Amino acid sequence: MRWFLRALRTPRRPQSLSVLIGLAAVSAILLWRSAGMENYKENLALNLGADIIGAVVTVFVIGPLISRAQEGRAREHSRLDYEWFCAQVYGSTSNVKVLDTFSNVFGPQFSHRLLRGIRAATANGTRVQILLLHPDSLAVILRGQELGDQHADIRREILRNLRTLRSFEAELDAGIRHLLEVRLCSSSPGVTLYRWDERCLVSFLTVGRLSGQGVQLEVPVRSPLGAFVEQRFDELWQQSAMMDEFTHLPVMLVDEGDGRRAFTCRFVVVDEATYVADAELVSHMARHRLDQLTAFSQGLGVSVAHELLVVDDESELHVRLTQDFAEKYDAPTGAFVCLRPQSLLTE
């Protein structure tokens, strides 16, 4: 019964069209069967006129009154029903937003339903904005303390979400890929938001419990609570970093006598030092003298030159880098190259 009720709530436009065609066919049959009655045309015109007046009153008078009466009223959910939210995303036509530390909606149990919904929504021109916590931010550590020293678990779940979203983004058609935006914020939002069109689910980050396990308030976006959470989302969105900035680092290698070459590298950060892992970059280094190579990267936030230092593959540092890289990208790697600012070497 629970599955059947959820299936009824799931938007399915082809099925709705089938029901409409069926009702139209039944109406046509009834009209045809009653064509022989006395004063058929007059009765038909009278009934159609009355029905049209009733429809006009319902659509333009009663409907707006009911909508205004419901404006601002909150519907309470005992928990976040991820499957139900995926169904709402499927039928969205304007905007979908998700704001959370990390979300089980991107986990193995629900991700295929949500991604199917996002694919359908973006095909209709819907903009999808997803905002999660930056895995390496202080906010993740603080949230981990609130949940009982679970910093490592939260970081791991965020990385899993990002791997799922990166994979799905690559599968989208190039024409609609820009409609899906994933960003990472470094400040704790304090609230969670799951929006579809003009409705949203709102909750708060509580101590000792994940937000999805607590009460969710379903409110209109234009309600006072909905407007407050929307404003918080927009503030964090403006200060956030794109997902690609966390997963890929642009690096420019400059050779004194052989010009320059650009690379886009996967990377990890350990003890505030940046280590890149890219087979083409390592191959390029092997063909040049290291003392004549310098690296520049706008992604590091400094405009100084960096020296390239290859990490010993038998060192403890290499073991740690390999573990962090596998956790971030779920992929093996070979050599790591440290990008160290030259100013640090001369001091």
C-alpha atoms as a PDB file:
ATOM      1  CA  MET A   1       0.000   0.000   0.000  1.00  0.00           C
ATOM      2  CA  ARG A   2       2.831   2.408   0.831  1.00  0.00           C
ATOM      3  CA  TRP A   3       4.489   1.736  -2.522  1.00  0.00           C
ATOM      4  CA  PHE A   4       1.144   2.202  -4.298  1.00  0.00           C
ATOM      5  CA  LEU A   5       0.528   5.592  -2.650  1.00  0.00           C
ATOM      6  CA  ARG A   6       4.015   6.775  -3.586  1.00  0.00           C
ATOM      7  CA  ALA A   7       3.456   5.618  -7.145  1.00  0.00           C
ATOM      8  CA  LEU A   8       0.263   7.694  -7.310  1.00  0.00           C
ATOM      9  CA  ARG A   9       2.153  10.792  -6.116  1.00  0.00           C
ATOM     10  CA  THR A  10       4.890  10.349  -8.707  1.00  0.00           C
ATOM     11  CA  PRO A  11       4.425  12.787 -11.631  1.00  0.00           C
ATOM     12  CA  ARG A  12       4.033  10.889 -14.884  1.00  0.00           C
ATOM     13  CA  ARG A  13       2.946  13.088 -17.743  1.00  0.00           C
ATOM     14  CA  PRO A  14       2.474  10.242 -20.297  1.00  0.00           C
ATOM     15  CA  GLN A  15       0.114   8.460 -17.877  1.00  0.00           C
ATOM     16  CA  SER A  16      -1.804  11.684 -17.191  1.00  0.00           C
ATOM     17  CA  LEU A  17      -2.223  12.148 -20.932  1.00  0.00           C
ATOM     18  CA  SER A  18      -3.536   8.577 -21.238  1.00  0.00           C
ATOM     19  CA  VAL A  19      -6.121   9.210 -18.503  1.00  0.00           C
ATOM     20  CA  LEU A  20      -7.207  12.433 -20.217  1.00  0.00           C
ATOM     21  CA  ILE A  21      -7.644  10.658 -23.551  1.00  0.00           C
ATOM     22  CA  GLY A  22      -9.614   7.892 -21.848  1.00  0.00           C
ATOM     23  CA  LEU A  23     -11.974  10.342 -20.138  1.00  0.00           C
ATOM     24  CA  ALA A  24     -12.461  12.211 -23.418  1.00  0.00           C
ATOM     25  CA  ALA A  25     -13.343   8.940 -25.146  1.00  0.00           C
ATOM     26  CA  VAL A  26     -15.873   8.036 -22.434  1.00  0.00           C
ATOM     27  CA  SER A  27     -17.437  11.515 -22.729  1.00  0.00           C
ATOM     28  CA  ALA A  28     -17.706  11.169 -26.505  1.00  0.00           C
ATOM     29  CA  ILE A  29     -19.399   7.775 -26.164  1.00  0.00           C
ATOM     30  CA  LEU A  30     -21.928   9.127 -23.631  1.00  0.00           C
ATOM     31  CA  LEU A  31     -22.727  12.102 -25.851  1.00  0.00           C
ATOM     32  CA  TRP A  32     -23.182   9.789 -28.830  1.00  0.00           C
ATOM     33  CA  ARG A  33     -25.478   7.455 -26.874  1.00  0.00           C
ATOM     34  CA  SER A  34     -27.676  10.359 -25.771  1.00  0.00           C
ATOM     35  CA  ALA A  35     -27.922  11.930 -29.246  1.00  0.00           C
ATOM     36  CA  GLY A  36     -31.407  10.495 -29.780  1.00  0.00           C
ATOM     37  CA  MET A  37     -33.033  12.148 -26.787  1.00  0.00           C
ATOM     38  CA  GLU A  38     -35.585  14.933 -27.213  1.00  0.00           C
ATOM     39  CA  ASN A  39     -34.197  18.509 -27.440  1.00  0.00           C
ATOM     40  CA  TYR A  40     -30.682  17.088 -27.508  1.00  0.00           C
ATOM     41  CA  LYS A  41     -28.934  20.183 -28.881  1.00  0.00           C
ATOM     42  CA  GLU A  42     -30.627  22.569 -26.445  1.00  0.00           C
ATOM     43  CA  ASN A  43     -29.825  20.343 -23.435  1.00  0.00           C
ATOM     44  CA  LEU A  44     -26.243  19.890 -24.581  1.00  0.00           C
ATOM     45  CA  ALA A  45     -25.722  23.657 -24.982  1.00  0.00           C
ATOM     46  CA  LEU A  46     -27.303  24.342 -21.571  1.00  0.00           C
ATOM     47  CA  ASN A  47     -25.138  21.801 -19.755  1.00  0.00           C
ATOM     48  CA  LEU A  48     -21.924  22.849 -21.504  1.00  0.00           C
ATOM     49  CA  GLY A  49     -22.614  26.515 -20.723  1.00  0.00           C
ATOM     50  CA  ALA A  50     -23.202  25.745 -17.037  1.00  0.00           C
ATOM     51  CA  ASP A  51     -20.034  23.615 -16.868  1.00  0.00           C
ATOM     52  CA  ILE A  52     -17.947  26.347 -18.511  1.00  0.00           C
ATOM     53  CA  ILE A  53     -19.217  28.941 -16.023  1.00  0.00           C
ATOM     54  CA  GLY A  54     -18.403  26.564 -13.172  1.00  0.00           C
ATOM     55  CA  ALA A  55     -14.901  25.974 -14.542  1.00  0.00           C
ATOM     56  CA  VAL A  56     -14.277  29.727 -14.872  1.00  0.00           C
ATOM     57  CA  VAL A  57     -15.395  30.361 -11.282  1.00  0.00           C
ATOM     58  CA  THR A  58     -13.256  27.465 -10.003  1.00  0.00           C
ATOM     59  CA  VAL A  59     -10.098  28.454 -11.893  1.00  0.00           C
ATOM     60  CA  PHE A  60     -10.219  32.223 -11.469  1.00  0.00           C
ATOM     61  CA  VAL A  61     -12.023  32.659  -8.119  1.00  0.00           C
ATOM     62  CA  ILE A  62     -12.025  29.579  -5.897  1.00  0.00           C
ATOM     63  CA  GLY A  63      -8.547  28.364  -6.920  1.00  0.00           C
ATOM     64  CA  PRO A  64      -6.720  31.624  -6.063  1.00  0.00           C
ATOM     65  CA  LEU A  65      -8.624  31.893  -2.756  1.00  0.00           C
ATOM     66  CA  ILE A  66      -7.533  28.398  -1.740  1.00  0.00           C
ATOM     67  CA  SER A  67      -3.935  29.103  -2.815  1.00  0.00           C
ATOM     68  CA  ARG A  68      -3.815  32.305  -0.757  1.00  0.00           C
ATOM     69  CA  ALA A  69      -5.295  30.520   2.242  1.00  0.00           C
ATOM     70  CA  GLN A  70      -2.548  27.922   2.042  1.00  0.00           C
ATOM     71  CA  GLU A  71       0.208  30.500   1.476  1.00  0.00           C
ATOM     72  CA  GLY A  72       2.676  30.427   4.345  1.00  0.00           C
ATOM     73  CA  ARG A  73       1.200  27.320   5.972  1.00  0.00           C
ATOM     74  CA  ALA A  74       3.730  24.652   6.862  1.00  0.00           C
ATOM     75  CA  ARG A  75       3.198  20.935   6.434  1.00  0.00           C
ATOM     76  CA  GLU A  76       5.209  18.828   8.853  1.00  0.00           C
ATOM     77  CA  HIS A  77       7.090  15.664   7.830  1.00  0.00           C
ATOM     78  CA  SER A  78       8.526  13.399  10.524  1.00  0.00           C
ATOM     79  CA  ARG A  79      11.675  12.825   8.446  1.00  0.00           C
ATOM     80  CA  LEU A  80      13.127  13.521   5.017  1.00  0.00           C
ATOM     81  CA  ASP A  81      11.547  11.112   2.550  1.00  0.00           C
ATOM     82  CA  TYR A  82      14.228  11.003  -0.142  1.00  0.00           C
ATOM     83  CA  GLU A  83      12.170   8.885  -2.515  1.00  0.00           C
ATOM     84  CA  TRP A  84       9.281  11.349  -2.323  1.00  0.00           C
ATOM     85  CA  PHE A  85      11.631  14.277  -2.965  1.00  0.00           C
ATOM     86  CA  CYS A  86      13.027  12.503  -6.045  1.00  0.00           C
ATOM     87  CA  ALA A  87       9.476  12.280  -7.378  1.00  0.00           C
ATOM     88  CA  GLN A  88       9.006  16.032  -6.929  1.00  0.00           C
ATOM     89  CA  VAL A  89      12.267  16.723  -8.771  1.00  0.00           C
ATOM     90  CA  TYR A  90      11.077  14.584 -11.674  1.00  0.00           C
ATOM     91  CA  GLY A  91       8.140  16.891 -12.271  1.00  0.00           C
ATOM     92  CA  SER A  92       9.964  20.206 -11.707  1.00  0.00           C
ATOM     93  CA  THR A  93       9.880  22.834 -14.421  1.00  0.00           C
ATOM     94  CA  SER A  94      11.753  25.872 -13.046  1.00  0.00           C
ATOM     95  CA  ASN A  95      14.242  25.337 -10.192  1.00  0.00           C
ATOM     96  CA  VAL A  96      15.657  22.621  -7.954  1.00  0.00           C
ATOM     97  CA  LYS A  97      17.966  23.380  -5.017  1.00  0.00           C
ATOM     98  CA  VAL A  98      19.700  21.200  -2.437  1.00  0.00           C
ATOM     99  CA  LEU A  99      21.595  22.634   0.543  1.00  0.00           C
ATOM    100  CA  ASP A 100      23.076  20.192   3.046  1.00  0.00           C
ATOM    101  CA  THR A 101      26.298  19.020   4.667  1.00  0.00           C
ATOM    102  CA  PHE A 102      26.038  15.889   2.543  1.00  0.00           C
ATOM    103  CA  SER A 103      22.911  14.058   1.472  1.00  0.00           C
ATOM    104  CA  ASN A 104      21.764  10.465   1.377  1.00  0.00           C
ATOM    105  CA  VAL A 105      19.726  11.420  -1.678  1.00  0.00           C
ATOM    106  CA  PHE A 106      23.024  11.095  -3.589  1.00  0.00           C
ATOM    107  CA  GLY A 107      23.784   7.762  -1.927  1.00  0.00           C
ATOM    108  CA  PRO A 108      23.486   4.292  -3.461  1.00  0.00           C
ATOM    109  CA  GLN A 109      19.871   3.767  -2.364  1.00  0.00           C
ATOM    110  CA  PHE A 110      18.336   6.883  -3.919  1.00  0.00           C
ATOM    111  CA  SER A 111      20.860   8.393  -6.343  1.00  0.00           C
ATOM    112  CA  HIS A 112      19.553   6.569  -9.431  1.00  0.00           C
ATOM    113  CA  ARG A 113      16.029   7.889  -8.743  1.00  0.00           C
ATOM    114  CA  LEU A 114      17.231  11.440  -8.154  1.00  0.00           C
ATOM    115  CA  LEU A 115      19.523  11.472 -11.160  1.00  0.00           C
ATOM    116  CA  ARG A 116      16.669  10.203 -13.328  1.00  0.00           C
ATOM    117  CA  GLY A 117      14.581  13.057 -11.976  1.00  0.00           C
ATOM    118  CA  ILE A 118      17.352  15.601 -12.611  1.00  0.00           C
ATOM    119  CA  ARG A 119      17.744  14.341 -16.155  1.00  0.00           C
ATOM    120  CA  ALA A 120      14.017  14.817 -16.792  1.00  0.00           C
ATOM    121  CA  ALA A 121      13.983  18.227 -15.068  1.00  0.00           C
ATOM    122  CA  THR A 122      16.983  19.599 -16.976  1.00  0.00           C
ATOM    123  CA  ALA A 123      15.433  18.380 -20.224  1.00  0.00           C
ATOM    124  CA  ASN A 124      12.536  20.733 -19.392  1.00  0.00           C
ATOM    125  CA  GLY A 125      14.952  23.634 -18.818  1.00  0.00           C
ATOM    126  CA  THR A 126      15.021  23.370 -14.998  1.00  0.00           C
ATOM    127  CA  ARG A 127      18.081  24.818 -13.265  1.00  0.00           C
ATOM    128  CA  VAL A 128      19.511  22.453 -10.626  1.00  0.00           C
ATOM    129  CA  GLN A 129      21.751  23.936  -7.915  1.00  0.00           C
ATOM    130  CA  ILE A 130      23.448  21.666  -5.360  1.00  0.00           C
ATOM    131  CA  LEU A 131      25.432  23.152  -2.464  1.00  0.00           C
ATOM    132  CA  LEU A 132      27.368  20.892  -0.081  1.00  0.00           C
ATOM    133  CA  LEU A 133      30.032  21.542   2.545  1.00  0.00           C
ATOM    134  CA  HIS A 134      33.627  21.713   1.359  1.00  0.00           C
ATOM    135  CA  PRO A 135      35.279  18.453   2.534  1.00  0.00           C
ATOM    136  CA  ASP A 136      38.431  20.235   3.716  1.00  0.00           C
ATOM    137  CA  SER A 137      36.712  23.137   5.479  1.00  0.00           C
ATOM    138  CA  LEU A 138      36.628  23.896   9.181  1.00  0.00           C
ATOM    139  CA  ALA A 139      32.833  23.634   9.028  1.00  0.00           C
ATOM    140  CA  VAL A 140      33.134  19.878   8.413  1.00  0.00           C
ATOM    141  CA  ILE A 141      35.223  19.491  11.583  1.00  0.00           C
ATOM    142  CA  LEU A 142      32.706  21.507  13.615  1.00  0.00           C
ATOM    143  CA  ARG A 143      29.772  19.518  12.240  1.00  0.00           C
ATOM    144  CA  GLY A 144      31.629  16.299  13.037  1.00  0.00           C
ATOM    145  CA  GLN A 145      31.983  17.414  16.652  1.00  0.00           C
ATOM    146  CA  GLU A 146      28.256  18.123  16.826  1.00  0.00           C
ATOM    147  CA  LEU A 147      27.570  14.564  15.661  1.00  0.00           C
ATOM    148  CA  GLY A 148      30.031  12.986  18.079  1.00  0.00           C
ATOM    149  CA  ASP A 149      33.501  13.303  16.579  1.00  0.00           C
ATOM    150  CA  GLN A 150      32.512  12.029  13.119  1.00  0.00           C
ATOM    151  CA  HIS A 151      34.604  14.414  11.030  1.00  0.00           C
ATOM    152  CA  ALA A 152      36.202  11.638   8.977  1.00  0.00           C
ATOM    153  CA  ASP A 153      32.816  10.035   8.265  1.00  0.00           C
ATOM    154  CA  ILE A 154      31.263  13.311   7.127  1.00  0.00           C
ATOM    155  CA  ARG A 155      34.211  14.066   4.851  1.00  0.00           C
ATOM    156  CA  ARG A 156      34.002  10.574   3.372  1.00  0.00           C
ATOM    157  CA  GLU A 157      30.271  10.944   2.680  1.00  0.00           C
ATOM    158  CA  ILE A 158      30.772  14.321   0.987  1.00  0.00           C
ATOM    159  CA  LEU A 159      33.453  12.825  -1.255  1.00  0.00           C
ATOM    160  CA  ARG A 160      31.092   9.994  -2.182  1.00  0.00           C
ATOM    161  CA  ASN A 161      28.406  12.538  -3.086  1.00  0.00           C
ATOM    162  CA  LEU A 162      30.882  14.439  -5.251  1.00  0.00           C
ATOM    163  CA  ARG A 163      32.004  11.310  -7.091  1.00  0.00           C
ATOM    164  CA  THR A 164      28.361  10.479  -7.866  1.00  0.00           C
ATOM    165  CA  LEU A 165      27.659  14.013  -9.088  1.00  0.00           C
ATOM    166  CA  ARG A 166      30.840  14.180 -11.197  1.00  0.00           C
ATOM    167  CA  SER A 167      29.960  10.913 -12.875  1.00  0.00           C
ATOM    168  CA  PHE A 168      26.408  12.019 -13.575  1.00  0.00           C
ATOM    169  CA  GLU A 169      27.494  15.441 -14.870  1.00  0.00           C
ATOM    170  CA  ALA A 170      29.742  13.736 -17.409  1.00  0.00           C
ATOM    171  CA  GLU A 171      26.794  11.639 -18.651  1.00  0.00           C
ATOM    172  CA  LEU A 172      24.521  14.637 -19.321  1.00  0.00           C
ATOM    173  CA  ASP A 173      24.138  15.915 -22.855  1.00  0.00           C
ATOM    174  CA  ALA A 174      26.384  18.888 -23.594  1.00  0.00           C
ATOM    175  CA  GLY A 175      23.370  21.078 -24.379  1.00  0.00           C
ATOM    176  CA  ILE A 176      21.875  20.781 -20.871  1.00  0.00           C
ATOM    177  CA  ARG A 177      24.994  20.132 -18.794  1.00  0.00           C
ATOM    178  CA  HIS A 178      25.215  23.819 -17.826  1.00  0.00           C
ATOM    179  CA  LEU A 179      21.848  23.548 -16.040  1.00  0.00           C
ATOM    180  CA  LEU A 180      23.410  21.341 -13.333  1.00  0.00           C
ATOM    181  CA  GLU A 181      25.663  23.305 -10.958  1.00  0.00           C
ATOM    182  CA  VAL A 182      27.453  21.805  -7.954  1.00  0.00           C
ATOM    183  CA  ARG A 183      29.301  24.017  -5.499  1.00  0.00           C
ATOM    184  CA  LEU A 184      31.042  23.703  -2.149  1.00  0.00           C
ATOM    185  CA  CYS A 185      30.721  26.155   0.740  1.00  0.00           C
ATOM    186  CA  SER A 186      33.153  26.548   3.632  1.00  0.00           C
ATOM    187  CA  SER A 187      30.662  28.011   6.136  1.00  0.00           C
ATOM    188  CA  SER A 188      28.108  25.998   8.048  1.00  0.00           C
ATOM    189  CA  PRO A 189      24.647  26.769   6.633  1.00  0.00           C
ATOM    190  CA  GLY A 190      22.801  26.028   9.874  1.00  0.00           C
ATOM    191  CA  VAL A 191      19.793  24.894   7.819  1.00  0.00           C
ATOM    192  CA  THR A 192      19.027  22.428   5.061  1.00  0.00           C
ATOM    193  CA  LEU A 193      16.982  23.104   1.945  1.00  0.00           C
ATOM    194  CA  TYR A 194      15.386  20.737  -0.567  1.00  0.00           C
ATOM    195  CA  ARG A 195      13.465  22.816  -3.104  1.00  0.00           C
ATOM    196  CA  TRP A 196      11.424  21.929  -6.169  1.00  0.00           C
ATOM    197  CA  ASP A 197       9.755  24.761  -8.099  1.00  0.00           C
ATOM    198  CA  GLU A 198       7.823  26.905  -5.570  1.00  0.00           C
ATOM    199  CA  ARG A 199       7.853  24.422  -2.654  1.00  0.00           C
ATOM    200  CA  CYS A 200      10.667  23.348  -0.358  1.00  0.00           C
ATOM    201  CA  LEU A 201      11.555  21.197   2.637  1.00  0.00           C
ATOM    202  CA  VAL A 202      13.376  23.057   5.412  1.00  0.00           C
ATOM    203  CA  SER A 203      15.162  21.637   8.441  1.00  0.00           C
ATOM    204  CA  PHE A 204      17.920  22.641  10.843  1.00  0.00           C
ATOM    205  CA  LEU A 205      21.308  21.115  11.666  1.00  0.00           C
ATOM    206  CA  THR A 206      20.810  19.666  15.133  1.00  0.00           C
ATOM    207  CA  VAL A 207      23.306  18.279  17.634  1.00  0.00           C
ATOM    208  CA  GLY A 208      23.686  14.509  17.761  1.00  0.00           C
ATOM    209  CA  ARG A 209      21.456  13.716  14.778  1.00  0.00           C
ATOM    210  CA  LEU A 210      21.598  14.037  10.998  1.00  0.00           C
ATOM    211  CA  SER A 211      19.271  16.644   9.562  1.00  0.00           C
ATOM    212  CA  GLY A 212      17.398  14.116   7.430  1.00  0.00           C
ATOM    213  CA  GLN A 213      16.364  12.182  10.548  1.00  0.00           C
ATOM    214  CA  GLY A 214      14.572  15.180  12.059  1.00  0.00           C
ATOM    215  CA  VAL A 215      11.339  17.018  11.340  1.00  0.00           C
ATOM    216  CA  GLN A 216      11.050  18.605   7.904  1.00  0.00           C
ATOM    217  CA  LEU A 217       8.823  21.616   7.251  1.00  0.00           C
ATOM    218  CA  GLU A 218       7.270  21.795   3.799  1.00  0.00           C
ATOM    219  CA  VAL A 219       6.592  25.466   3.024  1.00  0.00           C
ATOM    220  CA  PRO A 220       6.120  27.680  -0.029  1.00  0.00           C
ATOM    221  CA  VAL A 221       9.277  29.425  -1.201  1.00  0.00           C
ATOM    222  CA  ARG A 222       7.493  32.784  -0.843  1.00  0.00           C
ATOM    223  CA  SER A 223       6.595  32.179   2.813  1.00  0.00           C
ATOM    224  CA  PRO A 224       8.665  33.972   5.509  1.00  0.00           C
ATOM    225  CA  LEU A 225      10.562  30.779   6.406  1.00  0.00           C
ATOM    226  CA  GLY A 226      11.069  29.822   2.779  1.00  0.00           C
ATOM    227  CA  ALA A 227      12.332  33.299   1.900  1.00  0.00           C
ATOM    228  CA  PHE A 228      14.756  33.236   4.853  1.00  0.00           C
ATOM    229  CA  VAL A 229      16.288  29.899   3.828  1.00  0.00           C
ATOM    230  CA  GLU A 230      16.426  30.995   0.169  1.00  0.00           C
ATOM    231  CA  GLN A 231      18.360  34.094   1.214  1.00  0.00           C
ATOM    232  CA  ARG A 232      20.786  31.954   3.223  1.00  0.00           C
ATOM    233  CA  PHE A 233      21.257  29.680   0.213  1.00  0.00           C
ATOM    234  CA  ASP A 234      21.988  32.617  -2.096  1.00  0.00           C
ATOM    235  CA  GLU A 235      24.542  34.078   0.350  1.00  0.00           C
ATOM    236  CA  LEU A 236      26.429  30.788   0.603  1.00  0.00           C
ATOM    237  CA  TRP A 237      26.182  30.226  -3.149  1.00  0.00           C
ATOM    238  CA  GLN A 238      27.900  33.536  -3.886  1.00  0.00           C
ATOM    239  CA  GLN A 239      30.816  32.645  -1.569  1.00  0.00           C
ATOM    240  CA  SER A 240      31.152  29.018  -2.658  1.00  0.00           C
ATOM    241  CA  ALA A 241      33.644  27.275  -4.933  1.00  0.00           C
ATOM    242  CA  MET A 242      32.760  25.228  -7.989  1.00  0.00           C
ATOM    243  CA  MET A 243      33.142  21.464  -7.747  1.00  0.00           C
ATOM    244  CA  ASP A 244      35.772  21.453 -10.518  1.00  0.00           C
ATOM    245  CA  GLU A 245      38.005  23.694  -8.402  1.00  0.00           C
ATOM    246  CA  PHE A 246      38.112  20.967  -5.767  1.00  0.00           C
ATOM    247  CA  THR A 247      38.661  18.089  -8.172  1.00  0.00           C
ATOM    248  CA  HIS A 248      41.027  19.559 -10.791  1.00  0.00           C
ATOM    249  CA  LEU A 249      43.891  22.028 -10.574  1.00  0.00           C
ATOM    250  CA  PRO A 250      45.139  23.991 -13.624  1.00  0.00           C
ATOM    251  CA  VAL A 251      48.959  23.925 -13.769  1.00  0.00           C
ATOM    252  CA  MET A 252      51.210  25.791 -16.209  1.00  0.00           C
ATOM    253  CA  LEU A 253      54.755  24.434 -16.611  1.00  0.00           C
ATOM    254  CA  VAL A 254      57.282  26.948 -17.890  1.00  0.00           C
ATOM    255  CA  ASP A 255      60.642  25.882 -19.343  1.00  0.00           C
ATOM    256  CA  GLU A 256      63.393  28.448 -19.810  1.00  0.00           C
ATOM    257  CA  GLY A 257      64.143  27.302 -23.348  1.00  0.00           C
ATOM    258  CA  ASP A 258      61.087  25.294 -24.425  1.00  0.00           C
ATOM    259  CA  GLY A 259      58.127  27.593 -23.764  1.00  0.00           C
ATOM    260  CA  ARG A 260      55.163  26.589 -21.627  1.00  0.00           C
ATOM    261  CA  ARG A 261      52.508  23.887 -21.447  1.00  0.00           C
ATOM    262  CA  ALA A 262      49.190  23.738 -19.608  1.00  0.00           C
ATOM    263  CA  PHE A 263      47.875  20.740 -17.647  1.00  0.00           C
ATOM    264  CA  THR A 264      44.702  19.981 -15.714  1.00  0.00           C
ATOM    265  CA  CYS A 265      45.657  17.741 -12.807  1.00  0.00           C
ATOM    266  CA  ARG A 266      43.935  15.818 -10.078  1.00  0.00           C
ATOM    267  CA  PHE A 267      45.411  16.690  -6.724  1.00  0.00           C
ATOM    268  CA  VAL A 268      45.336  16.250  -2.946  1.00  0.00           C
ATOM    269  CA  VAL A 269      46.329  18.567  -0.114  1.00  0.00           C
ATOM    270  CA  VAL A 270      48.251  17.220   2.884  1.00  0.00           C
ATOM    271  CA  ASP A 271      49.546  19.449   5.691  1.00  0.00           C
ATOM    272  CA  GLU A 272      48.752  22.543   3.600  1.00  0.00           C
ATOM    273  CA  ALA A 273      50.995  21.319   0.763  1.00  0.00           C
ATOM    274  CA  THR A 274      49.605  20.585  -2.703  1.00  0.00           C
ATOM    275  CA  TYR A 275      50.464  17.351  -4.519  1.00  0.00           C
ATOM    276  CA  VAL A 276      49.373  16.733  -8.107  1.00  0.00           C
ATOM    277  CA  ALA A 277      49.027  13.370  -9.824  1.00  0.00           C
ATOM    278  CA  ASP A 278      49.053  13.507 -13.605  1.00  0.00           C
ATOM    279  CA  ALA A 279      50.806  11.050 -15.933  1.00  0.00           C
ATOM    280  CA  GLU A 280      51.252  13.618 -18.736  1.00  0.00           C
ATOM    281  CA  LEU A 281      52.804  16.135 -16.363  1.00  0.00           C
ATOM    282  CA  VAL A 282      55.252  13.539 -15.019  1.00  0.00           C
ATOM    283  CA  SER A 283      56.123  12.488 -18.576  1.00  0.00           C
ATOM    284  CA  HIS A 284      56.750  16.133 -19.502  1.00  0.00           C
ATOM    285  CA  MET A 285      59.025  16.528 -16.474  1.00  0.00           C
ATOM    286  CA  ALA A 286      61.004  13.438 -17.488  1.00  0.00           C
ATOM    287  CA  ARG A 287      61.855  15.073 -20.832  1.00  0.00           C
ATOM    288  CA  HIS A 288      63.149  18.298 -19.266  1.00  0.00           C
ATOM    289  CA  ARG A 289      65.639  19.370 -16.649  1.00  0.00           C
ATOM    290  CA  LEU A 290      63.891  19.966 -13.333  1.00  0.00           C
ATOM    291  CA  ASP A 291      66.085  22.942 -12.474  1.00  0.00           C
ATOM    292  CA  GLN A 292      64.763  24.709 -15.587  1.00  0.00           C
ATOM    293  CA  LEU A 293      61.072  23.977 -14.930  1.00  0.00           C
ATOM    294  CA  THR A 294      58.764  26.140 -12.843  1.00  0.00           C
ATOM    295  CA  ALA A 295      55.046  25.792 -12.258  1.00  0.00           C
ATOM    296  CA  PHE A 296      52.279  28.352 -11.924  1.00  0.00           C
ATOM    297  CA  SER A 297      48.680  27.809 -10.907  1.00  0.00           C
ATOM    298  CA  GLN A 298      45.849  30.270 -10.410  1.00  0.00           C
ATOM    299  CA  GLY A 299      44.005  27.627  -8.428  1.00  0.00           C
ATOM    300  CA  LEU A 300      46.502  27.906  -5.556  1.00  0.00           C
ATOM    301  CA  GLY A 301      45.549  31.494  -4.864  1.00  0.00           C
ATOM    302  CA  VAL A 302      49.116  32.812  -5.157  1.00  0.00           C
ATOM    303  CA  SER A 303      50.874  34.153  -8.237  1.00  0.00           C
ATOM    304  CA  VAL A 304      54.383  32.971  -7.299  1.00  0.00           C
ATOM    305  CA  ALA A 305      56.392  30.339  -9.118  1.00  0.00           C
ATOM    306  CA  HIS A 306      56.440  26.809  -7.708  1.00  0.00           C
ATOM    307  CA  GLU A 307      59.221  24.266  -7.766  1.00  0.00           C
ATOM    308  CA  LEU A 308      58.409  20.677  -8.746  1.00  0.00           C
ATOM    309  CA  LEU A 309      59.449  17.982  -6.263  1.00  0.00           C
ATOM    310  CA  VAL A 310      58.766  14.318  -7.003  1.00  0.00           C
ATOM    311  CA  VAL A 311      57.628  12.371  -3.921  1.00  0.00           C
ATOM    312  CA  ASP A 312      59.600   9.231  -3.103  1.00  0.00           C
ATOM    313  CA  ASP A 313      57.263   6.304  -3.875  1.00  0.00           C
ATOM    314  CA  GLU A 314      58.660   4.317  -0.932  1.00  0.00           C
ATOM    315  CA  SER A 315      58.100   7.023   1.672  1.00  0.00           C
ATOM    316  CA  GLU A 316      55.367   7.184   4.296  1.00  0.00           C
ATOM    317  CA  LEU A 317      54.174  10.394   2.665  1.00  0.00           C
ATOM    318  CA  HIS A 318      53.525   8.535  -0.581  1.00  0.00           C
ATOM    319  CA  VAL A 319      51.418   5.967   1.290  1.00  0.00           C
ATOM    320  CA  ARG A 320      49.326   8.710   2.846  1.00  0.00           C
ATOM    321  CA  LEU A 321      48.952  10.522  -0.479  1.00  0.00           C
ATOM    322  CA  THR A 322      47.809   7.312  -2.150  1.00  0.00           C
ATOM    323  CA  GLN A 323      45.163   6.756   0.524  1.00  0.00           C
ATOM    324  CA  ASP A 324      43.878  10.324   0.320  1.00  0.00           C
ATOM    325  CA  PHE A 325      43.811  10.204  -3.479  1.00  0.00           C
ATOM    326  CA  ALA A 326      41.850   6.939  -3.499  1.00  0.00           C
ATOM    327  CA  GLU A 327      39.353   8.395  -1.009  1.00  0.00           C
ATOM    328  CA  LYS A 328      38.887  11.540  -3.079  1.00  0.00           C
ATOM    329  CA  TYR A 329      38.732  10.036  -6.578  1.00  0.00           C
ATOM    330  CA  ASP A 330      38.144   6.317  -5.960  1.00  0.00           C
ATOM    331  CA  ALA A 331      40.973   5.609  -8.394  1.00  0.00           C
ATOM    332  CA  PRO A 332      44.596   4.421  -8.203  1.00  0.00           C
ATOM    333  CA  THR A 333      47.523   6.631  -9.146  1.00  0.00           C
ATOM    334  CA  GLY A 334      51.274   6.534  -9.648  1.00  0.00           C
ATOM    335  CA  ALA A 335      53.714   9.344  -8.937  1.00  0.00           C
ATOM    336  CA  PHE A 336      52.952  12.490  -6.932  1.00  0.00           C
ATOM    337  CA  VAL A 337      54.578  15.847  -7.543  1.00  0.00           C
ATOM    338  CA  CYS A 338      54.691  18.503  -4.847  1.00  0.00           C
ATOM    339  CA  LEU A 339      54.146  22.130  -5.884  1.00  0.00           C
ATOM    340  CA  ARG A 340      56.207  24.132  -3.429  1.00  0.00           C
ATOM    341  CA  PRO A 341      56.391  27.927  -3.644  1.00  0.00           C
ATOM    342  CA  GLN A 342      59.937  29.041  -4.419  1.00  0.00           C
ATOM    343  CA  SER A 343      59.695  31.728  -1.749  1.00  0.00           C
ATOM    344  CA  LEU A 344      59.527  28.977   0.860  1.00  0.00           C
ATOM    345  CA  LEU A 345      62.745  27.436  -0.455  1.00  0.00           C
ATOM    346  CA  THR A 346      64.724  30.653  -0.270  1.00  0.00           C
ATOM    347  CA  GLU A 347      63.769  31.666   3.260  1.00  0.00           C
END
